[in-house]
Every structure is written in structure tokens, then in C-alpha cells.
């Protein structure tokens, strides 16, 4: 893929890999008894696992290692293409187009996922990180604030372009929800710092900044979803096949803001002495309940797409299928701990995680095949 046909949406591939790396960690964090804080490898294996259990959790660890490496490798590979592309006319044309410029947000979302990978899988395996976890919050906060400034500047700039330029609202698609997606990812990392940092100055600063990014993200999510559904019902039939995978992007948005609210609640409890009680049940239970019916609804709409298109061709927007599956498992792990500790729920989450891994490798194989051909990856027929 050269600068001419490069699209920043390829970062959805590195984002998806990071999400898959985090999935087993979150599932272990909220389904295994362990000490306070985040689970570590030593805590897991101190429980005397053997036989099927040892094999099962070893597969979790293998998944975390493999997809962390894939995430980091793809991030470096795509970044090496992104920066030269940003000096081309293609970049400037994309930024000026309100219907397409959301694509530039994908690299920032992937960057924030890297922070989640460091807090989750990397810290899980590296004792020096888990043993000195609190000392990492100051550098993490500094880096996050820098990303916060870049994200807010980018979001406001793109919104300004939309308001100044105007566009045909009937041509929008669910990829438009990358705006709140980015703000949700920014907020979920920030609320993690606020909830876990024992330094109240850091926790309070992170929490307040999250009120800025979180309120903006929720506002944009609500406004954009209303506009998207209104626009869709004014048209006949489903969107073009290239845009169908983005229909499920509502799910990661809900997951990010639900977890942000969950973590903000813990911040209020440990930093300000609140006793929120059933708040956590309502936040996680209502959000996961919404995701269950929306996932079923989305899959029903995509039945013909999977039967006729998905396995026969490749376009970069297909990577948008990974994040909803990851988000469903992640929020489901929270729901297992907070709402319903059922073996049926756990089995469903494990099954969805396995499906997500299979779909990721299927997409990666098609992506590599298209990238190595003379055909541009966007719309490449396989």
C-alpha cells in the first residue's frame, strides 16, 4: 500500500488486535478471584491450575502475547505510512471532506488502545510494571493529557469544518460514530487513571478532564445516532455493502461510555467517600442489556451481507466488525461480575471471543493478500 491509496482506516486493524489482546485479560479480571487491583500472572498461577484449566488459561495468555505483538507491529507499520501520507494532497482533501474526514480519527483511537494494552496485558506479564503500578500513573497522566489536547483539537477542528462547509446529510453512515468512539476511548483511559491512582491530585485532574471529553462524546453520540437513524428511515433499503459493517459501531461506543461511568463511580467512592451502591448494577446492566438486543438486531441486518459479500471480497471498512465483538465481550465480563455471574453468560463470552479471533485472522489474510496485489486495498476483490 503506497501513499496514493493509503487510508488511515487501516488503523482499525491495529485497534482490533489491541482489543483482542485486552479481551482475555478483562475476562480473567472479572471472572477469577484475586487480590485487590488488577490481576497478575503470578496471582493466576498461584491458584494451582492444572489439566484443562491450565490449558485454557494458557490459551488466554498466548492470545494476549500474540495480539499484543500484532497490535504493536501493525501500529509501527501503519504509522510509517501515515506520516508521509499526511504531507500529501490526499490528506488535505480528506480533512476538507466532512463525509470522509472521520477516517483520520482511527490512528488516535488505536494509540489510546495501546495505553490499554500497556495497562492490561503488558502489566499482567511484567512484574516490574505490576509491582510499581502506582509510580506509572504520573507518566501515564502526562502522556494522556498530551493525547487529550490532540484529540480535543482534532475533534473541534473537524466539527468546525462540518459546520462551515455543510454536506448532504443523506450520505452519512454509521462510520460517523468514530467521533464519539474516539472521545469514549479517551475518556475510558482517563477514568481508569482517576479510579486507580492513589494520588488524589492526579485522580481529580484526570476525572475533571474526563467530564469534558465524556460530555462531548455522549452529546455527539446521541445527536449523531438520532441523525443517522432519521436519515436511514428517509431512504429505502440498507446502506452500500462497504458501510454495513459500521452499523455495529454503536456497540463499542456504548461499552466505552458505560465503563467510563463505572470507573468514574469508583473514583467518586475512593476519592470523595461516595457510596453508590446499585449505581454500578444499573450502569453495567442497562448498557449490556442494550448491547444484547442491538447485537442481535445488527446481525439480523447483516445476514445477507455475510452470505453474499463478506467472504468473497475485502474492503478496509470490514475491520469495523472486530471492535463491536471485542466491546461485547469486554462489557460482558463487567456484567458477569456486577450483574449476573452465570455459566451461560461466561460460555457466550468465551464463544464470541473465539469467533472474534477467527474473524480477525480471516480479515488479516484478505488484507495482506490485497495489499500485496496491484489492487488498492479499499474495495479489493478477493
Protein backbone atom coordinates (compact mmCIF):
# COMPACT_ATOMS: atom_id res chain seq x y z
CA UNK A 1 0.00 0.00 0.00
CA UNK A 2 1.61 3.27 -1.13
CA UNK A 3 0.82 6.88 -0.19
CA UNK A 4 -1.56 7.20 -3.13
CA UNK A 5 -4.06 4.60 -1.91
CA UNK A 6 -3.32 4.77 1.83
CA UNK A 7 -6.27 5.28 4.17
CA UNK A 8 -5.96 5.90 7.92
CA UNK A 9 -8.85 3.48 8.41
CA UNK A 10 -6.25 0.67 8.26
CA UNK A 11 -5.55 1.54 11.90
CA UNK A 12 -8.82 -0.29 12.64
CA UNK A 13 -6.72 -3.44 12.13
CA UNK A 14 -4.21 -2.47 14.83
CA UNK A 15 -7.06 -1.25 17.03
CA UNK A 16 -8.79 -4.61 16.68
CA UNK A 17 -5.61 -6.50 17.54
CA UNK A 18 -5.17 -4.41 20.67
CA UNK A 19 -8.78 -5.05 21.62
CA UNK A 20 -8.36 -8.81 21.23
CA UNK A 21 -5.20 -8.66 23.39
CA UNK A 22 -7.22 -6.95 26.13
CA UNK A 23 -10.21 -9.34 25.92
CA UNK A 24 -8.71 -12.34 27.81
CA UNK A 25 -7.25 -10.01 30.44
CA UNK A 26 -10.61 -8.38 31.15
CA UNK A 27 -12.34 -11.77 31.22
CA UNK A 28 -9.83 -13.02 33.82
CA UNK A 29 -10.00 -9.77 35.79
CA UNK A 30 -13.76 -10.03 36.35
CA UNK A 31 -14.30 -13.80 36.49
CA UNK A 32 -11.38 -15.02 38.66
CA UNK A 33 -10.97 -14.43 42.37
CA UNK A 34 -7.78 -12.45 43.03
CA UNK A 35 -6.33 -9.79 45.29
CA UNK A 36 -7.11 -6.07 45.16
CA UNK A 37 -6.34 -4.19 41.96
CA UNK A 38 -5.66 -5.73 38.57
CA UNK A 39 -4.93 -9.42 38.22
CA UNK A 40 -1.34 -10.51 37.57
CA UNK A 41 0.13 -13.70 36.13
CA UNK A 42 1.57 -14.74 39.48
CA UNK A 43 -1.89 -14.43 41.11
CA UNK A 44 -3.47 -16.60 38.42
CA UNK A 45 -0.95 -19.42 38.60
CA UNK A 46 -0.73 -19.34 42.39
CA UNK A 47 -4.18 -20.95 42.36
CA UNK A 48 -2.66 -24.30 41.39
CA UNK A 49 -4.21 -24.61 37.94
CA UNK A 50 -3.78 -27.95 36.20
CA UNK A 51 -5.21 -30.05 33.41
CA UNK A 52 -7.92 -28.40 31.30
CA UNK A 53 -7.85 -25.22 33.40
CA UNK A 54 -4.11 -24.81 32.84
CA UNK A 55 -4.51 -25.32 29.09
CA UNK A 56 -7.49 -22.94 28.99
CA UNK A 57 -5.74 -20.07 30.72
CA UNK A 58 -2.51 -20.75 28.84
CA UNK A 59 -4.51 -20.13 25.66
CA UNK A 60 -5.62 -16.81 27.17
CA UNK A 61 -2.01 -15.84 27.78
CA UNK A 62 -0.97 -16.94 24.28
CA UNK A 63 -3.76 -14.78 22.84
CA UNK A 64 -2.61 -11.76 24.85
CA UNK A 65 1.01 -12.18 23.76
CA UNK A 66 0.24 -12.82 20.09
CA UNK A 67 -2.21 -9.96 19.64
CA UNK A 68 -0.09 -7.52 21.64
CA UNK A 69 2.73 -8.22 19.18
CA UNK A 70 0.36 -7.88 16.21
CA UNK A 71 -1.00 -4.60 17.61
CA UNK A 72 2.47 -3.13 18.11
CA UNK A 73 3.76 -4.37 14.74
CA UNK A 74 0.77 -3.01 12.80
CA UNK A 75 0.93 0.28 14.70
CA UNK A 76 4.55 0.80 13.65
CA UNK A 77 3.87 -0.35 10.08
CA UNK A 78 0.86 1.89 9.58
CA UNK A 79 2.49 4.86 11.33
CA UNK A 80 5.40 4.63 8.90
CA UNK A 81 2.87 5.10 6.10
CA UNK A 82 0.65 7.61 7.90
CA UNK A 83 3.18 10.40 8.41
CA UNK A 84 4.38 10.60 4.76
CA UNK A 85 0.72 10.45 3.64
CA UNK A 86 -0.12 13.42 5.88
CA UNK A 87 2.14 15.57 3.67
CA UNK A 88 0.19 14.72 0.52
CA UNK A 89 -2.78 16.39 -1.18
CA UNK A 90 -4.85 13.29 -0.35
CA UNK A 91 -4.65 14.13 3.34
CA UNK A 92 -5.72 17.73 2.81
CA UNK A 93 -8.61 16.64 0.59
CA UNK A 94 -9.75 14.13 3.21
CA UNK A 95 -9.70 16.69 6.02
CA UNK A 96 -11.83 19.12 4.00
CA UNK A 97 -14.50 16.46 3.30
CA UNK A 98 -16.98 16.22 6.24
CA UNK A 99 -18.33 12.92 4.91
CA UNK A 100 -14.92 11.21 4.97
CA UNK A 101 -12.67 13.02 7.43
CA UNK A 102 -13.70 10.83 10.37
CA UNK A 103 -11.17 8.31 8.96
CA UNK A 104 -8.35 10.43 10.41
CA UNK A 105 -9.60 9.56 13.91
CA UNK A 106 -8.73 5.85 13.61
CA UNK A 107 -4.98 6.32 14.35
CA UNK A 108 -5.80 8.24 17.53
CA UNK A 109 -8.22 5.54 18.71
CA UNK A 110 -5.53 2.92 18.07
CA UNK A 111 -2.98 4.98 20.02
CA UNK A 112 -5.28 5.09 23.03
CA UNK A 113 -5.79 1.33 22.72
CA UNK A 114 -2.01 1.00 23.09
CA UNK A 115 -2.35 2.54 26.55
CA UNK A 116 -4.97 -0.09 27.42
CA UNK A 117 -2.62 -2.81 26.18
CA UNK A 118 0.14 -1.48 28.45
CA UNK A 119 -2.16 -1.28 31.50
CA UNK A 120 -3.64 -4.72 30.80
CA UNK A 121 -1.64 -7.45 29.03
CA UNK A 122 1.85 -5.92 29.36
CA UNK A 123 1.46 -5.15 33.06
CA UNK A 124 -0.02 -8.63 33.58
CA UNK A 125 3.15 -10.32 32.30
CA UNK A 126 5.86 -7.92 33.53
CA UNK A 127 6.33 -7.97 37.33
CA UNK A 128 8.30 -4.71 37.38
CA UNK A 129 5.21 -2.94 35.99
CA UNK A 130 2.70 -4.59 38.33
CA UNK A 131 4.96 -4.14 41.37
CA UNK A 132 5.43 -0.44 40.65
CA UNK A 133 1.99 0.23 39.24
CA UNK A 134 1.28 3.41 41.19
CA UNK A 135 4.55 5.01 40.10
CA UNK A 136 3.42 4.67 36.47
CA UNK A 137 0.42 6.95 36.87
CA UNK A 138 2.34 10.23 36.67
CA UNK A 139 4.00 9.45 33.29
CA UNK A 140 0.73 7.88 32.10
CA UNK A 141 -1.14 11.03 33.09
CA UNK A 142 1.34 13.28 31.29
CA UNK A 143 1.10 11.23 28.10
CA UNK A 144 -2.69 11.02 28.33
CA UNK A 145 -3.00 14.80 28.77
CA UNK A 146 -0.93 15.32 25.61
CA UNK A 147 -3.22 12.93 23.72
CA UNK A 148 -6.22 14.70 25.28
CA UNK A 149 -5.08 18.03 23.80
CA UNK A 150 -4.52 16.49 20.36
CA UNK A 151 -7.90 14.71 20.40
CA UNK A 152 -9.87 17.76 21.51
CA UNK A 153 -8.14 19.97 18.94
CA UNK A 154 -8.81 17.42 16.18
CA UNK A 155 -12.44 16.91 17.15
CA UNK A 156 -13.20 20.62 17.33
CA UNK A 157 -11.39 21.25 14.05
CA UNK A 158 -13.41 18.56 12.25
CA UNK A 159 -16.66 19.82 13.76
CA UNK A 160 -15.78 23.35 12.61
CA UNK A 161 -15.21 22.06 9.07
CA UNK A 162 -18.58 20.29 9.14
CA UNK A 163 -20.42 23.42 10.27
CA UNK A 164 -18.61 25.74 7.86
CA UNK A 165 -18.67 23.51 4.77
CA UNK A 166 -22.02 21.81 5.10
CA UNK A 167 -22.74 18.43 3.47
CA UNK A 168 -25.50 16.19 2.19
CA UNK A 169 -26.79 14.60 5.39
CA UNK A 170 -28.44 11.75 3.45
CA UNK A 171 -24.95 10.45 2.55
CA UNK A 172 -23.75 9.91 6.12
CA UNK A 173 -23.19 6.41 7.54
CA UNK A 174 -22.50 4.81 10.91
CA UNK A 175 -18.77 5.40 10.42
CA UNK A 176 -19.68 8.93 11.53
CA UNK A 177 -19.74 7.48 15.06
CA UNK A 178 -15.93 7.39 15.10
CA UNK A 179 -16.20 10.86 16.68
CA UNK A 180 -17.81 9.68 19.94
CA UNK A 181 -15.80 6.43 19.67
CA UNK A 182 -12.55 8.41 19.94
CA UNK A 183 -13.88 10.56 22.77
CA UNK A 184 -15.13 7.43 24.56
CA UNK A 185 -11.72 5.75 24.25
CA UNK A 186 -10.05 8.91 25.56
CA UNK A 187 -12.47 9.02 28.48
CA UNK A 188 -12.20 5.34 29.39
CA UNK A 189 -8.42 5.62 29.70
CA UNK A 190 -8.72 8.82 31.75
CA UNK A 191 -11.32 7.40 34.11
CA UNK A 192 -9.07 4.38 34.58
CA UNK A 193 -6.34 6.72 35.80
CA UNK A 194 -8.84 8.54 38.03
CA UNK A 195 -10.21 5.30 39.53
CA UNK A 196 -6.89 3.55 40.18
CA UNK A 197 -4.43 6.32 41.07
CA UNK A 198 -3.82 6.76 44.79
CA UNK A 199 -2.51 10.28 44.14
CA UNK A 200 -5.64 12.40 44.58
CA UNK A 201 -4.18 15.30 42.57
CA UNK A 202 -3.73 13.02 39.56
CA UNK A 203 -7.11 11.33 40.11
CA UNK A 204 -9.02 14.60 40.40
CA UNK A 205 -7.31 16.15 37.38
CA UNK A 206 -8.00 13.08 35.23
CA UNK A 207 -11.62 12.92 36.40
CA UNK A 208 -12.30 16.57 35.56
CA UNK A 209 -10.77 16.27 32.08
CA UNK A 210 -12.92 13.18 31.55
CA UNK A 211 -16.02 15.26 32.29
CA UNK A 212 -15.02 17.42 29.32
CA UNK A 213 -14.29 14.60 26.87
CA UNK A 214 -17.09 12.37 28.20
CA UNK A 215 -19.80 15.01 28.00
CA UNK A 216 -18.71 15.92 24.47
CA UNK A 217 -18.66 12.25 23.45
CA UNK A 218 -22.09 11.44 24.87
CA UNK A 219 -23.57 14.56 23.29
CA UNK A 220 -22.15 13.65 19.86
CA UNK A 221 -23.21 10.01 20.24
CA UNK A 222 -26.83 10.95 20.95
CA UNK A 223 -27.01 13.63 18.25
CA UNK A 224 -25.33 11.50 15.60
CA UNK A 225 -27.41 8.40 16.34
CA UNK A 226 -30.65 10.38 16.04
CA UNK A 227 -29.48 11.90 12.75
CA UNK A 228 -28.25 8.54 11.42
CA UNK A 229 -31.49 6.69 12.14
CA UNK A 230 -33.60 9.57 10.86
CA UNK A 231 -31.53 9.73 7.67
CA UNK A 232 -31.73 5.96 7.22
CA UNK A 233 -35.51 5.81 7.57
CA UNK A 234 -35.82 8.52 4.90
CA UNK A 235 -34.05 6.23 2.44
CA UNK A 236 -35.05 2.82 1.11
CA UNK A 237 -33.11 -0.35 1.85
CA UNK A 238 -29.79 -0.85 3.61
CA UNK A 239 -26.64 1.25 3.03
CA UNK A 240 -23.99 0.17 0.49
CA UNK A 241 -22.11 -3.00 1.45
CA UNK A 242 -18.93 -1.02 2.26
CA UNK A 243 -20.80 0.77 5.05
CA UNK A 244 -22.73 -2.17 6.50
CA UNK A 245 -20.01 -3.33 8.98
CA UNK A 246 -20.06 0.13 10.59
CA UNK A 247 -23.68 -0.42 11.67
CA UNK A 248 -22.36 -2.28 14.74
CA UNK A 249 -20.06 0.57 15.84
CA UNK A 250 -22.79 1.64 18.25
CA UNK A 251 -21.74 -1.27 20.49
CA UNK A 252 -18.14 -0.14 21.24
CA UNK A 253 -19.46 3.37 21.84
CA UNK A 254 -21.88 2.07 24.48
CA UNK A 255 -19.16 -0.11 26.04
CA UNK A 256 -16.68 2.75 26.35
CA UNK A 257 -19.10 5.19 27.95
CA UNK A 258 -20.52 2.51 30.26
CA UNK A 259 -17.06 1.52 31.51
CA UNK A 260 -16.16 5.20 31.85
CA UNK A 261 -19.23 5.73 34.03
CA UNK A 262 -18.34 2.60 36.01
CA UNK A 263 -14.79 3.80 36.63
CA UNK A 264 -15.94 7.33 37.44
CA UNK A 265 -18.17 5.81 40.11
CA UNK A 266 -15.17 4.07 41.66
CA UNK A 267 -13.29 7.38 41.56
CA UNK A 268 -16.12 9.05 43.47
CA UNK A 269 -16.09 6.27 46.06
CA UNK A 270 -12.35 6.17 46.76
CA UNK A 271 -11.59 9.90 46.31
CA UNK A 272 -14.71 11.53 47.72
CA UNK A 273 -16.29 8.94 50.00
CA UNK A 274 -19.46 8.35 47.97
CA UNK A 275 -21.42 5.11 48.47
CA UNK A 276 -23.03 4.46 45.10
CA UNK A 277 -24.49 1.02 45.77
CA UNK A 278 -26.80 -0.05 42.93
CA UNK A 279 -25.36 2.59 40.57
CA UNK A 280 -22.84 0.09 39.20
CA UNK A 281 -25.53 -2.52 38.59
CA UNK A 282 -27.67 -0.03 36.67
CA UNK A 283 -24.81 1.34 34.55
CA UNK A 284 -23.45 -2.05 33.51
CA UNK A 285 -26.73 -3.96 33.44
CA UNK A 286 -28.60 -1.44 31.33
CA UNK A 287 -25.69 -1.00 28.91
CA UNK A 288 -25.11 -4.72 28.43
CA UNK A 289 -28.85 -5.32 28.07
CA UNK A 290 -28.90 -2.72 25.28
CA UNK A 291 -25.92 -4.36 23.57
CA UNK A 292 -27.54 -7.81 23.57
CA UNK A 293 -30.61 -6.75 21.59
CA UNK A 294 -28.62 -4.38 19.38
CA UNK A 295 -26.11 -7.12 18.52
CA UNK A 296 -28.94 -9.49 17.59
CA UNK A 297 -30.60 -6.73 15.54
CA UNK A 298 -27.34 -5.87 13.79
CA UNK A 299 -26.52 -9.48 12.95
CA UNK A 300 -30.02 -9.94 11.53
CA UNK A 301 -29.45 -6.95 9.23
CA UNK A 302 -26.03 -8.30 8.19
CA UNK A 303 -27.19 -11.84 7.34
CA UNK A 304 -27.32 -11.23 3.58
CA UNK A 305 -24.05 -9.28 3.73
CA UNK A 306 -22.22 -12.25 5.26
CA UNK A 307 -23.85 -14.68 2.86
CA UNK A 308 -23.20 -12.69 -0.33
CA UNK A 309 -20.27 -10.34 0.26
CA UNK A 310 -18.07 -10.72 3.31
CA UNK A 311 -16.16 -13.88 2.37
CA UNK A 312 -15.81 -13.01 -1.32
CA UNK A 313 -14.17 -9.57 -1.14
CA UNK A 314 -12.26 -7.19 1.06
CA UNK A 315 -12.55 -3.50 1.83
CA UNK A 316 -10.88 -1.81 4.75
CA UNK A 317 -14.19 -0.94 6.43
CA UNK A 318 -14.64 -4.66 7.16
CA UNK A 319 -12.21 -4.16 10.05
CA UNK A 320 -15.10 -2.34 11.72
CA UNK A 321 -16.56 -5.76 12.60
CA UNK A 322 -13.84 -6.53 15.16
CA UNK A 323 -14.38 -3.71 17.65
CA UNK A 324 -18.09 -4.48 18.28
CA UNK A 325 -17.27 -8.12 19.05
CA UNK A 326 -14.42 -7.11 21.35
CA UNK A 327 -16.59 -4.50 23.07
CA UNK A 328 -19.39 -7.01 23.62
CA UNK A 329 -17.03 -9.44 25.40
CA UNK A 330 -15.38 -6.69 27.46
CA UNK A 331 -18.65 -5.24 28.75
CA UNK A 332 -19.98 -8.77 29.18
CA UNK A 333 -17.09 -9.51 31.58
CA UNK A 334 -18.12 -6.48 33.66
CA UNK A 335 -21.73 -7.71 33.56
CA UNK A 336 -20.65 -11.18 34.69
CA UNK A 337 -19.04 -9.66 37.78
CA UNK A 338 -21.61 -6.96 38.57
CA UNK A 339 -24.95 -8.19 37.22
CA UNK A 340 -25.19 -11.93 36.56
CA UNK A 341 -22.45 -14.47 37.37
CA UNK A 342 -23.88 -17.19 35.15
CA UNK A 343 -22.00 -20.01 33.43
CA UNK A 344 -24.21 -19.41 30.38
CA UNK A 345 -23.08 -15.78 30.18
CA UNK A 346 -19.45 -16.86 30.51
CA UNK A 347 -19.81 -19.53 27.80
CA UNK A 348 -21.32 -16.98 25.42
CA UNK A 349 -18.48 -14.53 26.07
CA UNK A 350 -15.84 -17.23 25.51
CA UNK A 351 -17.56 -18.26 22.27
CA UNK A 352 -17.73 -14.67 20.99
CA UNK A 353 -14.05 -14.21 21.86
CA UNK A 354 -13.14 -17.32 19.82
CA UNK A 355 -15.25 -16.09 16.88
CA UNK A 356 -13.57 -12.68 17.07
CA UNK A 357 -10.12 -14.25 16.79
CA UNK A 358 -11.18 -16.34 13.78
CA UNK A 359 -12.75 -13.31 12.04
CA UNK A 360 -9.62 -11.25 12.73
CA UNK A 361 -7.32 -13.77 11.04
CA UNK A 362 -9.76 -14.11 8.14
CA UNK A 363 -9.67 -10.33 7.62
CA UNK A 364 -5.90 -10.14 8.11
CA UNK A 365 -5.32 -12.78 5.44
CA UNK A 366 -7.52 -10.88 2.97
CA UNK A 367 -5.89 -7.56 3.88
CA UNK A 368 -2.38 -8.93 3.29
CA UNK A 369 -3.45 -10.51 0.02
CA UNK A 370 -4.96 -7.25 -1.21
CA UNK A 371 -2.03 -5.13 -0.02
CA UNK A 372 0.43 -7.32 -1.89
CA UNK A 373 -1.59 -7.10 -5.11
CA UNK A 374 -1.79 -4.21 -7.54
CA UNK A 375 -5.37 -3.59 -6.49
CA UNK A 376 -6.00 -0.93 -3.87
CA UNK A 377 -6.99 -2.49 -0.54
CA UNK A 378 -10.18 -0.46 -0.41
CA UNK A 379 -12.67 -2.45 -2.46
CA UNK A 380 -10.19 -5.18 -3.40
CA UNK A 381 -11.98 -8.28 -4.62
CA UNK A 382 -10.60 -11.49 -3.17
